[in-house]
């Protein structure tokens, strides 16, 4: 007598193969709805008595509304026994366990339920099959002795070839079984990991939403990626209470500085304000004017770490906008940087690590309420390597797309035009390479800042950003005005005015007074005096539709232009660049972000 287990959700043709098994001397063991279905449809079979309940083997009833039916040692002992192993045979006899020759099983329709109604969490969870997956895995593992039929399409071939079922065919059926459970687990993982099911295990409460009345508010995060578990959240709150906007700033800033350090292998720091950078800098030496405008001694390079230098640059790009910012660092925060942060009005900070001295300084800010986040590098690395699915829900509509996996590579720029040639020019390439760090920064910043967007960079720091404008020429003007203000703050007259201010003024009051003084006292002539020193790099997240963008950029001292290209006006724009002595590089990749 041979034994079979039948436990199926899809009952198509199950009476046909059940009838076949009975006629070939099998005893069929089944559960729940499958058992009732077989008994109803095969009652005319002369071997009807050989349709039995699994209860007759386990002597244990189905429990928990059918959640537990087949999970029992007397079932899995019979499925997993090596029938050529004397010790296994002995244990089967000792415990009165019978082996099984055939297992017919298919799984609860989890994928269909998710597609039909993903918001019905209860229904989706109830359609996660446990016992069926276990039957498939056990049968597949022991394919030498067990034939697994896990799909309706396999029934006919089995019946046509029985009893000559070859080991190779059983191996093929087992491989199909493992493929089914792999896909099934991935579907479940994606459902949970795409935040369809908020749970306490992947839920971080927020202070409130975008506005205080939008409450309660929380975020959820992936706990697996490509079926691989992620053992901790994307960040840990070490101090303070994080809010909705803080989190958006932290995430966008984190992705930006980490990507820049990945490419350049230099620490980067960003000052984020309302999801766009107010400033960004990398950890190269500070020039004298930066030290003066940021209130540092001229020998600061001797005492500051690279990450502290990056912070000084980032916070000094647009200190008017950086007031009350969120700071994000790509590298460990040390004491020298923490002392600089201590001076500033800022909401919070995020970094992959902190020295004990730095953490002690930061935890004292805002009477202990300063937000300190510890970024999880494992979480970042897994998502960097595998990408992620992005979704945005508004007005009951949800948009889905894969993450933007484009990374800037100066060696893969599609076309470079020199100031005098309309074809690829090796000298222009060499000229760009001299400014590699600033060019990488300029294009990477655009990837995580609100489009339309134009960025102006000089010496490893963002000095002007025009984000979220409806037309590109306004982006250029906005970025240019900020860059102009940054340059004029370094004019000898502005520096003299800064020195003259009373020490009784607070740092931000001095910033505001200098900005006001520049507005009232500096002319285009003052700016033109400095333009030749500051040969700016301009990057654009989208193509330039008209040459007026280049005309405006020229008035702010731009000498290098990086853009994706793709406009019908590309040739006209290139000609305008050449007329004005600019080098233009076309990447071929747009980096819009909304």
Protein backbone atom coordinates (compact mmCIF):
# COMPACT_ATOMS: atom_id res chain seq x y z
CA UNK A 1 0.00 0.00 0.00
CA UNK A 2 1.29 3.45 -0.97
CA UNK A 3 0.46 6.68 0.87
CA UNK A 4 -0.26 10.15 -0.47
CA UNK A 5 -1.00 13.53 1.12
CA UNK A 6 -3.31 15.90 -0.72
CA UNK A 7 -3.71 19.45 0.62
CA UNK A 8 -4.65 22.02 -2.01
CA UNK A 9 -6.17 25.47 -2.27
CA UNK A 10 -6.73 25.22 -6.03
CA UNK A 11 -8.83 22.07 -6.45
CA UNK A 12 -8.75 21.97 -10.26
CA UNK A 13 -8.60 18.32 -11.45
CA UNK A 14 -7.97 17.11 -7.91
CA UNK A 15 -10.76 14.55 -8.19
CA UNK A 16 -9.15 13.20 -11.38
CA UNK A 17 -5.74 12.54 -9.82
CA UNK A 18 -7.40 11.43 -6.57
CA UNK A 19 -9.37 8.84 -8.49
CA UNK A 20 -6.15 7.73 -10.22
CA UNK A 21 -4.32 7.28 -6.90
CA UNK A 22 -7.16 5.26 -5.37
CA UNK A 23 -7.25 3.00 -8.41
CA UNK A 24 -3.50 2.42 -8.08
CA UNK A 25 -3.58 1.26 -4.49
CA UNK A 26 -2.93 4.52 -2.65
CA UNK A 27 -4.34 5.62 0.65
CA UNK A 28 -4.99 9.33 0.50
CA UNK A 29 -4.61 11.46 3.63
CA UNK A 30 -6.09 14.93 3.55
CA UNK A 31 -7.37 17.83 5.64
CA UNK A 32 -10.14 20.38 5.90
CA UNK A 33 -11.80 21.48 2.68
CA UNK A 34 -9.67 19.22 0.53
CA UNK A 35 -10.80 16.16 2.49
CA UNK A 36 -14.47 17.10 2.14
CA UNK A 37 -14.03 17.82 -1.57
CA UNK A 38 -12.44 14.41 -2.24
CA UNK A 39 -15.07 12.58 -0.20
CA UNK A 40 -17.84 14.36 -2.09
CA UNK A 41 -16.45 13.85 -5.60
CA UNK A 42 -15.03 10.32 -5.24
CA UNK A 43 -17.77 8.58 -3.30
CA UNK A 44 -18.43 6.29 -6.28
CA UNK A 45 -14.86 4.96 -6.27
CA UNK A 46 -14.72 1.39 -4.94
CA UNK A 47 -11.69 2.35 -2.85
CA UNK A 48 -13.51 5.34 -1.32
CA UNK A 49 -12.62 4.08 2.16
CA UNK A 50 -8.98 4.85 1.46
CA UNK A 51 -9.65 8.59 1.63
CA UNK A 52 -8.76 9.40 5.23
CA UNK A 53 -8.21 12.32 7.52
CA UNK A 54 -4.67 13.20 8.61
CA UNK A 55 -6.16 13.08 12.12
CA UNK A 56 -6.00 9.28 11.83
CA UNK A 57 -2.19 9.59 11.72
CA UNK A 58 -1.60 12.44 14.16
CA UNK A 59 -4.44 11.71 16.60
CA UNK A 60 -4.58 15.49 16.90
CA UNK A 61 -7.41 17.65 15.54
CA UNK A 62 -7.12 20.70 13.29
CA UNK A 63 -6.89 23.81 15.50
CA UNK A 64 -6.84 27.61 15.29
CA UNK A 65 -9.42 27.78 12.49
CA UNK A 66 -7.31 25.51 10.32
CA UNK A 67 -4.01 27.35 10.85
CA UNK A 68 -2.53 24.09 12.20
CA UNK A 69 -3.41 20.88 10.34
CA UNK A 70 -0.38 19.01 9.01
CA UNK A 71 2.38 20.35 11.29
CA UNK A 72 3.13 17.17 13.27
CA UNK A 73 6.16 14.82 13.73
CA UNK A 74 4.19 11.84 12.41
CA UNK A 75 3.68 13.70 9.12
CA UNK A 76 7.13 15.16 8.74
CA UNK A 77 8.86 12.06 10.00
CA UNK A 78 7.18 10.17 7.18
CA UNK A 79 8.12 12.86 4.66
CA UNK A 80 11.74 13.33 5.66
CA UNK A 81 12.90 9.81 6.48
CA UNK A 82 15.85 8.47 4.51
CA UNK A 83 14.51 5.03 3.61
CA UNK A 84 18.04 3.70 3.09
CA UNK A 85 19.12 4.71 6.57
CA UNK A 86 18.65 1.85 9.05
CA UNK A 87 18.44 4.23 12.01
CA UNK A 88 15.67 6.20 10.27
CA UNK A 89 13.75 2.99 9.52
CA UNK A 90 14.12 1.89 13.12
CA UNK A 91 12.76 5.22 14.40
CA UNK A 92 9.79 5.10 12.03
CA UNK A 93 8.89 1.65 13.38
CA UNK A 94 9.47 2.68 16.97
CA UNK A 95 7.13 5.67 16.71
CA UNK A 96 4.61 4.02 14.37
CA UNK A 97 5.25 6.49 11.56
CA UNK A 98 4.39 5.63 7.98
CA UNK A 99 6.24 7.06 4.98
CA UNK A 100 4.65 8.91 2.06
CA UNK A 101 5.21 8.35 -1.64
CA UNK A 102 3.32 11.27 -3.18
CA UNK A 103 2.48 14.77 -1.93
CA UNK A 104 0.04 16.95 -3.85
CA UNK A 105 -0.06 20.49 -2.55
CA UNK A 106 -0.60 24.07 -3.72
CA UNK A 107 -0.62 27.22 -1.63
CA UNK A 108 -3.14 29.75 -0.38
CA UNK A 109 -3.61 32.49 -3.05
CA UNK A 110 -1.63 35.14 -1.18
CA UNK A 111 -0.56 37.00 -4.35
CA UNK A 112 -4.15 37.27 -5.61
CA UNK A 113 -5.44 38.55 -2.27
CA UNK A 114 -2.72 41.22 -2.14
CA UNK A 115 -3.49 42.34 -5.69
CA UNK A 116 -7.24 42.37 -5.07
CA UNK A 117 -7.17 44.27 -1.79
CA UNK A 118 -3.73 45.09 -0.34
CA UNK A 119 -5.20 47.28 2.39
CA UNK A 120 -7.12 44.34 3.90
CA UNK A 121 -4.32 43.30 6.22
CA UNK A 122 -6.34 40.59 7.99
CA UNK A 123 -7.26 38.83 4.75
CA UNK A 124 -3.72 39.05 3.38
CA UNK A 125 -2.21 37.59 6.54
CA UNK A 126 -4.74 34.75 6.66
CA UNK A 127 -3.66 33.79 3.14
CA UNK A 128 -0.03 33.27 4.12
CA UNK A 129 0.35 29.51 3.85
CA UNK A 130 2.47 27.82 6.53
CA UNK A 131 1.71 24.11 6.36
CA UNK A 132 1.64 23.98 2.57
CA UNK A 133 5.06 25.62 2.28
CA UNK A 134 6.42 23.15 4.84
CA UNK A 135 5.00 20.19 2.89
CA UNK A 136 6.63 21.46 -0.30
CA UNK A 137 10.01 22.03 1.32
CA UNK A 138 10.06 18.67 3.12
CA UNK A 139 8.99 16.76 0.00
CA UNK A 140 11.50 18.61 -2.15
CA UNK A 141 14.31 17.91 0.31
CA UNK A 142 13.49 14.19 0.29
CA UNK A 143 12.84 13.92 -3.46
CA UNK A 144 14.67 10.56 -3.62
CA UNK A 145 11.64 8.93 -2.03
CA UNK A 146 8.80 11.48 -2.36
CA UNK A 147 7.15 12.70 -5.56
CA UNK A 148 5.93 16.28 -5.17
CA UNK A 149 3.14 17.62 -7.39
CA UNK A 150 2.89 21.35 -6.63
CA UNK A 151 1.07 22.50 -9.75
CA UNK A 152 -2.09 21.32 -11.51
CA UNK A 153 -0.16 21.15 -14.81
CA UNK A 154 1.99 18.31 -13.40
CA UNK A 155 -0.86 15.85 -12.74
CA UNK A 156 -1.24 14.44 -16.24
CA UNK A 157 2.44 13.67 -16.81
CA UNK A 158 2.59 11.91 -13.46
CA UNK A 159 -0.42 9.75 -14.35
CA UNK A 160 0.95 9.01 -17.82
CA UNK A 161 4.29 7.78 -16.43
CA UNK A 162 3.29 6.10 -13.18
CA UNK A 163 4.71 3.89 -11.76
CA UNK A 164 7.90 4.67 -13.71
CA UNK A 165 8.68 7.95 -12.00
CA UNK A 166 12.42 8.50 -12.44
CA UNK A 167 14.72 10.11 -9.86
CA UNK A 168 15.54 12.83 -12.40
CA UNK A 169 11.85 13.70 -12.75
CA UNK A 170 11.39 13.77 -8.97
CA UNK A 171 14.44 16.08 -8.79
CA UNK A 172 12.85 18.37 -11.38
CA UNK A 173 9.60 18.43 -9.40
CA UNK A 174 11.56 19.23 -6.24
CA UNK A 175 13.34 22.11 -7.99
CA UNK A 176 9.96 23.48 -9.04
CA UNK A 177 8.82 23.18 -5.44
CA UNK A 178 11.72 25.21 -4.08
CA UNK A 179 11.13 27.83 -6.80
CA UNK A 180 7.51 28.13 -5.68
CA UNK A 181 8.39 28.63 -2.01
CA UNK A 182 11.13 31.13 -2.92
CA UNK A 183 8.72 33.24 -4.94
CA UNK A 184 6.04 32.91 -2.29
CA UNK A 185 8.41 34.10 0.46
CA UNK A 186 9.52 37.00 -1.72
CA UNK A 187 5.91 38.08 -2.27
CA UNK A 188 5.31 38.05 1.46
CA UNK A 189 8.58 39.85 2.16
CA UNK A 190 7.78 42.54 -0.42
CA UNK A 191 4.31 43.00 1.04
CA UNK A 192 5.64 43.53 4.54
CA UNK A 193 8.76 45.38 3.40
CA UNK A 194 6.85 47.84 1.21
CA UNK A 195 5.18 49.10 4.37
CA UNK A 196 1.75 47.74 3.52
CA UNK A 197 1.61 46.46 7.09
CA UNK A 198 2.72 48.97 9.68
CA UNK A 199 3.72 47.15 12.83
CA UNK A 200 5.50 48.02 16.01
CA UNK A 201 8.58 46.16 14.75
CA UNK A 202 9.18 48.55 11.84
CA UNK A 203 7.42 51.67 13.06
CA UNK A 204 8.99 54.89 14.35
CA UNK A 205 6.62 57.48 15.87
CA UNK A 206 7.13 61.11 14.84
CA UNK A 207 6.53 64.28 16.83
CA UNK A 208 3.81 65.27 14.35
CA UNK A 209 3.27 65.48 10.62
CA UNK A 210 4.25 68.32 8.30
CA UNK A 211 2.10 70.59 10.47
CA UNK A 212 1.33 70.13 14.19
CA UNK A 213 -2.36 69.41 13.56
CA UNK A 214 -1.46 66.48 11.24
CA UNK A 215 -1.19 63.94 14.01
CA UNK A 216 -0.66 61.09 14.82
CA UNK A 217 2.26 60.64 12.46
CA UNK A 218 4.80 57.84 12.07
CA UNK A 219 7.11 56.22 9.56
CA UNK A 220 7.72 52.59 8.65
CA UNK A 221 10.79 51.05 7.06
CA UNK A 222 11.92 47.92 5.22
CA UNK A 223 12.84 44.93 7.37
CA UNK A 224 13.98 42.84 4.40
CA UNK A 225 15.36 43.46 0.95
CA UNK A 226 15.41 40.72 -1.68
CA UNK A 227 14.35 38.30 1.08
CA UNK A 228 17.42 39.22 3.15
CA UNK A 229 16.60 40.41 6.68
CA UNK A 230 17.70 43.86 7.83
CA UNK A 231 18.42 43.58 11.52
CA UNK A 232 18.02 47.21 12.56
CA UNK A 233 16.21 50.39 11.42
CA UNK A 234 17.67 52.92 8.96
CA UNK A 235 18.59 55.14 11.89
CA UNK A 236 18.39 55.19 15.67
CA UNK A 237 17.24 58.23 17.64
CA UNK A 238 19.93 58.87 20.27
CA UNK A 239 18.44 62.12 21.55
CA UNK A 240 15.42 64.37 21.02
CA UNK A 241 12.08 63.75 19.31
CA UNK A 242 12.20 63.58 15.53
CA UNK A 243 9.51 65.11 13.34
CA UNK A 244 8.21 64.49 9.83
CA UNK A 245 10.23 67.26 8.13
CA UNK A 246 13.34 66.41 10.19
CA UNK A 247 13.14 62.87 8.84
CA UNK A 248 12.74 63.96 5.22
CA UNK A 249 15.75 66.27 5.60
CA UNK A 250 17.77 63.52 7.27
CA UNK A 251 17.02 60.92 4.57
CA UNK A 252 17.65 63.22 1.60
CA UNK A 253 20.81 64.58 3.18
CA UNK A 254 22.05 61.11 4.14
CA UNK A 255 21.63 59.75 0.61
CA UNK A 256 23.40 62.79 -0.82
CA UNK A 257 26.48 62.85 1.42
CA UNK A 258 26.88 59.08 1.46
CA UNK A 259 26.80 58.97 -2.35
CA UNK A 260 29.36 61.76 -2.57
CA UNK A 261 31.72 60.02 -0.13
CA UNK A 262 31.23 56.74 -2.01
CA UNK A 263 32.42 58.43 -5.21
CA UNK A 264 35.12 60.74 -3.86
CA UNK A 265 36.23 58.94 -0.70
CA UNK A 266 36.15 62.31 1.10
CA UNK A 267 33.82 63.14 4.02
CA UNK A 268 30.84 65.29 3.08
CA UNK A 269 28.44 67.33 5.20
CA UNK A 270 25.15 68.85 4.13
CA UNK A 271 22.94 71.49 5.71
CA UNK A 272 19.32 70.60 4.88
CA UNK A 273 16.32 72.92 5.12
CA UNK A 274 12.84 71.93 3.98
CA UNK A 275 14.14 68.95 1.95
CA UNK A 276 16.65 70.94 -0.10
CA UNK A 277 20.30 71.68 0.68
CA UNK A 278 21.14 75.10 2.09
CA UNK A 279 24.78 74.15 1.69
CA UNK A 280 27.15 71.25 1.20
CA UNK A 281 30.88 70.87 1.62
CA UNK A 282 33.57 68.20 1.47
CA UNK A 283 36.47 67.76 3.87
CA UNK A 284 39.23 69.58 2.01
CA UNK A 285 41.14 72.57 3.40
CA UNK A 286 39.41 75.87 4.10
CA UNK A 287 40.63 79.06 2.49
CA UNK A 288 41.29 82.21 4.50
CA UNK A 289 37.99 83.91 3.58
CA UNK A 290 35.96 80.89 4.70
CA UNK A 291 37.75 80.93 8.04
CA UNK A 292 37.05 84.66 8.43
CA UNK A 293 33.37 84.56 7.42
CA UNK A 294 32.72 81.50 9.60
CA UNK A 295 34.47 82.95 12.61
CA UNK A 296 37.47 80.63 12.63
CA UNK A 297 41.16 81.40 13.14
CA UNK A 298 43.16 81.48 9.92
CA UNK A 299 45.12 78.40 11.06
CA UNK A 300 41.93 76.34 11.55
CA UNK A 301 43.09 73.74 9.02
CA UNK A 302 45.72 72.63 11.53
CA UNK A 303 43.15 71.76 14.21
CA UNK A 304 40.02 70.69 12.33
CA UNK A 305 39.34 67.16 11.09
CA UNK A 306 38.16 66.65 7.48
CA UNK A 307 34.55 66.23 8.61
CA UNK A 308 34.77 69.47 10.62
CA UNK A 309 36.11 71.29 7.56
CA UNK A 310 33.23 69.85 5.51
CA UNK A 311 30.80 71.16 8.12
CA UNK A 312 32.36 74.64 8.10
CA UNK A 313 31.95 74.80 4.32
CA UNK A 314 28.39 73.42 4.35
CA UNK A 315 27.12 75.73 7.10
CA UNK A 316 28.84 78.77 5.56
CA UNK A 317 27.41 78.38 2.05
CA UNK A 318 24.14 80.12 2.86
CA UNK A 319 24.10 80.79 6.61
CA UNK A 320 20.91 82.82 6.24
CA UNK A 321 19.05 79.71 5.03
CA UNK A 322 20.92 77.27 7.29
CA UNK A 323 19.51 78.83 10.46
CA UNK A 324 17.55 75.99 12.15
CA UNK A 325 18.79 73.37 9.69
CA UNK A 326 19.33 69.62 9.93
CA UNK A 327 22.97 68.55 9.55
CA UNK A 328 23.93 65.23 7.96
CA UNK A 329 27.47 63.84 7.86
CA UNK A 330 28.83 61.00 5.76
CA UNK A 331 31.55 60.17 8.31
CA UNK A 332 32.04 60.01 12.05
CA UNK A 333 31.49 63.23 13.97
CA UNK A 334 34.45 64.05 16.18
CA UNK A 335 35.02 66.60 18.92
CA UNK A 336 36.34 69.32 16.59
CA UNK A 337 33.14 69.22 14.54
CA UNK A 338 30.87 68.94 17.58
CA UNK A 339 32.37 72.14 18.97
CA UNK A 340 31.49 73.95 15.74
CA UNK A 341 27.95 72.54 15.76
CA UNK A 342 27.54 73.70 19.34
CA UNK A 343 27.81 77.33 18.18
CA UNK A 344 25.01 77.10 15.63
CA UNK A 345 21.21 77.19 15.77
CA UNK A 346 20.29 73.82 14.31
CA UNK A 347 17.48 71.29 14.84
CA UNK A 348 19.47 68.07 14.65
CA UNK A 349 22.25 65.97 13.21
CA UNK A 350 22.73 62.55 11.62
CA UNK A 351 25.95 60.60 11.16
CA UNK A 352 27.11 56.97 10.95
CA UNK A 353 28.97 57.33 14.27
CA UNK A 354 30.08 59.78 16.95
CA UNK A 355 33.11 59.82 19.18
CA UNK A 356 32.21 59.76 22.90
CA UNK A 357 33.49 63.34 23.28
CA UNK A 358 31.38 64.56 20.34
CA UNK A 359 28.26 62.83 21.62
CA UNK A 360 28.66 64.36 25.06
CA UNK A 361 28.89 67.87 23.55
CA UNK A 362 25.90 67.38 21.23
CA UNK A 363 23.64 65.90 23.90
CA UNK A 364 23.91 69.14 25.87
CA UNK A 365 22.47 71.26 23.05
CA UNK A 366 18.94 72.60 23.50
CA UNK A 367 18.93 71.40 27.11
CA UNK A 368 19.22 67.79 25.94
CA UNK A 369 16.45 68.08 23.33
CA UNK A 370 18.78 68.30 20.33
CA UNK A 371 17.92 65.58 17.80
CA UNK A 372 20.80 63.15 17.28
CA UNK A 373 20.37 60.31 14.77
CA UNK A 374 22.71 57.39 14.27
CA UNK A 375 22.65 56.29 10.63
CA UNK A 376 22.68 52.56 9.98
CA UNK A 377 25.41 51.76 7.44
CA UNK A 378 24.21 48.16 6.97
CA UNK A 379 20.76 49.42 6.00
CA UNK A 380 22.36 51.93 3.61
CA UNK A 381 24.70 49.39 2.02
CA UNK A 382 21.93 46.86 1.38
CA UNK A 383 19.75 49.46 -0.30
CA UNK A 384 22.70 50.92 -2.20
CA UNK A 385 23.47 47.48 -3.65
CA UNK A 386 19.89 46.38 -4.33
CA UNK A 387 17.99 49.63 -4.84
CA UNK A 388 14.54 50.10 -3.40
CA UNK A 389 10.97 50.66 -4.45
CA UNK A 390 9.66 54.20 -4.00
CA UNK A 391 6.01 55.03 -3.50
CA UNK A 392 4.16 58.23 -2.78
CA UNK A 393 0.51 58.40 -1.76
CA UNK A 394 -1.64 61.47 -2.10
CA UNK A 395 -5.40 61.91 -2.45
CA UNK A 396 -5.93 58.16 -2.36
CA UNK A 397 -3.58 57.66 -5.29
CA UNK A 398 -0.24 55.87 -4.90
CA UNK A 399 2.66 56.21 -7.33
CA UNK A 400 5.28 53.45 -7.57
CA UNK A 401 8.72 53.44 -9.17
CA UNK A 402 12.17 51.93 -8.61
CA UNK A 403 14.81 54.14 -7.02
CA UNK A 404 17.06 56.28 -9.21
CA UNK A 405 20.18 54.12 -9.56
CA UNK A 406 22.11 56.69 -11.64
CA UNK A 407 25.48 57.66 -10.16
CA UNK A 408 27.62 60.39 -11.65
CA UNK A 409 30.86 59.21 -13.24
CA UNK A 410 33.02 61.86 -14.89
CA UNK A 411 34.55 59.15 -17.08
CA UNK A 412 31.14 58.33 -18.56
CA UNK A 413 30.15 61.83 -19.60
CA UNK A 414 28.56 61.51 -23.00
CA UNK A 415 29.98 64.62 -24.69
CA UNK A 416 32.28 67.47 -23.69
CA UNK A 417 32.47 70.73 -25.64
CA UNK A 418 35.34 73.12 -25.15
CA UNK A 419 34.98 76.86 -25.42
CA UNK A 420 36.14 76.74 -29.04
CA UNK A 421 35.21 73.32 -30.46
CA UNK A 422 31.89 71.68 -31.27
CA UNK A 423 33.34 68.17 -31.01
CA UNK A 424 34.83 66.04 -28.25
CA UNK A 425 37.96 67.76 -26.98
CA UNK A 426 40.59 66.00 -24.82
CA UNK A 427 41.86 69.31 -23.42
CA UNK A 428 38.35 70.13 -22.21
CA UNK A 429 38.20 66.71 -20.54
CA UNK A 430 41.49 67.40 -18.77
CA UNK A 431 40.17 70.79 -17.66
CA UNK A 432 37.07 69.17 -16.15
CA UNK A 433 39.17 66.56 -14.38
CA UNK A 434 40.94 69.36 -12.46
CA UNK A 435 37.56 70.15 -10.90
CA UNK A 436 36.38 66.55 -10.49
CA UNK A 437 35.38 66.88 -6.83
CA UNK A 438 33.25 69.97 -7.42
CA UNK A 439 31.66 68.50 -10.55
CA UNK A 440 30.69 65.30 -8.71
CA UNK A 441 29.14 67.40 -5.95
CA UNK A 442 27.26 69.63 -8.39
CA UNK A 443 25.46 66.79 -10.19
CA UNK A 444 24.93 64.51 -7.18
CA UNK A 445 23.24 67.25 -5.13
CA UNK A 446 20.61 67.63 -7.87
CA UNK A 447 19.60 63.97 -7.57
CA UNK A 448 18.00 64.44 -4.15
CA UNK A 449 16.82 68.07 -4.34
CA UNK A 450 13.47 69.35 -5.59
CA UNK A 451 13.26 69.87 -9.38
CA UNK A 452 13.51 72.06 -11.43
CA UNK A 453 16.98 72.55 -10.02
CA UNK A 454 20.28 74.23 -10.78
CA UNK A 455 23.36 74.04 -8.56
CA UNK A 456 26.45 76.26 -8.46
CA UNK A 457 29.65 74.93 -6.89
CA UNK A 458 33.13 76.24 -6.16
CA UNK A 459 36.03 74.55 -4.40
CA UNK A 460 34.12 71.56 -3.01
CA UNK A 461 31.10 73.44 -1.72
CA UNK A 462 27.62 74.29 -2.94
CA UNK A 463 27.33 78.08 -2.94
CA UNK A 464 24.04 78.48 -4.80
CA UNK A 465 21.01 76.26 -5.33
CA UNK A 466 17.87 77.14 -7.25
CA UNK A 467 15.39 74.39 -6.40
CA UNK A 468 11.73 73.82 -7.15
CA UNK A 469 11.27 76.50 -9.79
CA UNK A 470 8.79 76.25 -12.64
CA UNK A 471 11.26 77.38 -15.31
CA UNK A 472 14.97 76.72 -15.61
CA UNK A 473 16.12 80.28 -16.15
CA UNK A 474 14.64 81.21 -12.76
CA UNK A 475 16.60 78.30 -11.27
CA UNK A 476 19.78 79.80 -12.73
CA UNK A 477 18.92 83.26 -11.42
CA UNK A 478 18.13 81.98 -7.93
CA UNK A 479 21.28 79.87 -7.71
CA UNK A 480 23.30 82.77 -9.17
CA UNK A 481 21.97 85.30 -6.68
CA UNK A 482 22.94 83.03 -3.78
CA UNK A 483 26.37 82.41 -5.30
CA UNK A 484 26.82 86.15 -5.82
CA UNK A 485 25.95 86.83 -2.20
CA UNK A 486 28.41 84.14 -1.07
CA UNK A 487 31.19 85.70 -3.16
CA UNK A 488 30.43 89.26 -1.98
CA UNK A 489 30.63 88.15 1.65
CA UNK A 490 34.30 87.48 0.85
CA UNK A 491 34.93 90.94 -0.63
CA UNK A 492 37.50 92.91 1.40
CA UNK A 493 34.93 95.61 2.15
CA UNK A 494 32.43 93.05 3.49
CA UNK A 495 35.14 91.41 5.57
CA UNK A 496 36.11 94.77 7.02
CA UNK A 497 32.47 95.41 7.92
CA UNK A 498 32.24 91.98 9.59
CA UNK A 499 35.33 92.75 11.67
CA UNK A 500 33.82 96.04 12.76
CA UNK A 501 30.70 94.48 14.27
CA UNK A 502 30.46 94.44 18.05
CA UNK A 503 31.20 91.19 19.85
CA UNK A 504 27.87 91.64 21.62
CA UNK A 505 26.05 90.50 18.49
CA UNK A 506 25.15 86.84 18.27
CA UNK A 507 26.53 84.82 15.36
CA UNK A 508 23.28 84.79 13.39
CA UNK A 509 22.75 88.50 14.00
CA UNK A 510 26.14 89.14 12.39
CA UNK A 511 25.13 87.02 9.40
CA UNK A 512 21.93 89.01 8.95
CA UNK A 513 23.75 92.35 9.27
CA UNK A 514 26.37 91.35 6.68
CA UNK A 515 23.69 90.30 4.21
CA UNK A 516 21.88 93.60 4.73
CA UNK A 517 25.13 95.56 4.33
CA UNK A 518 25.87 93.79 1.04
CA UNK A 519 22.38 94.57 -0.29
CA UNK A 520 22.81 98.24 0.58
CA UNK A 521 26.45 98.82 -0.28
CA UNK A 522 27.78 96.34 -2.87
CA UNK A 523 27.44 96.96 -6.59
CA UNK A 524 28.00 94.88 -9.70
CA UNK A 525 31.44 96.45 -9.90
CA UNK A 526 32.32 94.97 -6.51
CA UNK A 527 31.17 91.57 -7.73
CA UNK A 528 33.01 91.89 -11.04
CA UNK A 529 36.22 92.53 -9.14
CA UNK A 530 36.03 88.96 -7.81
CA UNK A 531 34.49 87.09 -10.74
CA UNK A 532 37.76 86.05 -12.34
CA UNK A 533 38.83 84.29 -9.13
CA UNK A 534 35.62 82.30 -8.78
CA UNK A 535 35.17 80.22 -11.93
CA UNK A 536 31.91 78.54 -11.01
CA UNK A 537 30.56 75.15 -12.00
CA UNK A 538 26.86 75.03 -12.85
CA UNK A 539 24.93 71.76 -13.01
CA UNK A 540 21.33 71.34 -14.13
CA UNK A 541 19.03 68.38 -13.45
CA UNK A 542 17.31 68.83 -16.82
CA UNK A 543 18.27 70.14 -20.25
CA UNK A 544 18.39 73.83 -21.13
CA UNK A 545 15.50 74.63 -23.45
CA UNK A 546 16.91 78.04 -24.48
CA UNK A 547 20.29 79.81 -24.51
CA UNK A 548 18.97 82.49 -22.11
CA UNK A 549 20.00 80.16 -19.26
CA UNK A 550 23.62 80.43 -20.42
CA UNK A 551 23.37 84.19 -20.81
CA UNK A 552 22.21 84.50 -17.19
CA UNK A 553 24.80 82.00 -15.93
CA UNK A 554 27.56 84.05 -17.56
CA UNK A 555 26.65 87.10 -15.50
CA UNK A 556 27.48 85.13 -12.34
CA UNK A 557 30.89 83.91 -13.50
CA UNK A 558 29.99 80.36 -14.56
CA UNK A 559 32.75 78.70 -16.61
CA UNK A 560 31.73 75.02 -16.56
CA UNK A 561 28.26 73.69 -17.34
CA UNK A 562 27.05 70.12 -16.65
CA UNK A 563 23.64 69.11 -18.01
CA UNK A 564 21.86 65.98 -19.30
CA UNK A 565 21.16 67.30 -22.80
CA UNK A 566 18.34 66.02 -24.96
CA UNK A 567 16.78 69.32 -26.02
CA UNK A 568 16.10 70.30 -29.62
CA UNK A 569 18.08 73.43 -28.69
CA UNK A 570 21.22 71.59 -27.54
CA UNK A 571 23.29 72.84 -30.46
CA UNK A 572 22.18 76.44 -29.90
CA UNK A 573 22.98 76.18 -26.19
CA UNK A 574 26.44 74.76 -26.95
CA UNK A 575 27.14 77.62 -29.35
CA UNK A 576 26.12 80.10 -26.66
CA UNK A 577 28.53 78.44 -24.21
CA UNK A 578 31.36 78.62 -26.72
CA UNK A 579 30.63 82.29 -27.39
CA UNK A 580 31.01 82.97 -23.68
CA UNK A 581 34.11 80.84 -23.14
CA UNK A 582 32.40 78.05 -21.19
CA UNK A 583 33.07 74.30 -21.24
CA UNK A 584 29.89 72.23 -21.45
CA UNK A 585 29.56 68.55 -20.52
CA UNK A 586 26.49 66.49 -21.43
CA UNK A 587 25.83 63.49 -19.20
CA UNK A 588 22.93 61.93 -21.09
CA UNK A 589 21.08 61.25 -17.81
CA UNK A 590 18.36 63.47 -16.37
CA UNK A 591 18.08 63.52 -12.56
CA UNK A 592 14.65 65.00 -11.81
CA UNK A 593 13.30 64.55 -8.29
CA UNK A 594 9.84 65.39 -6.98
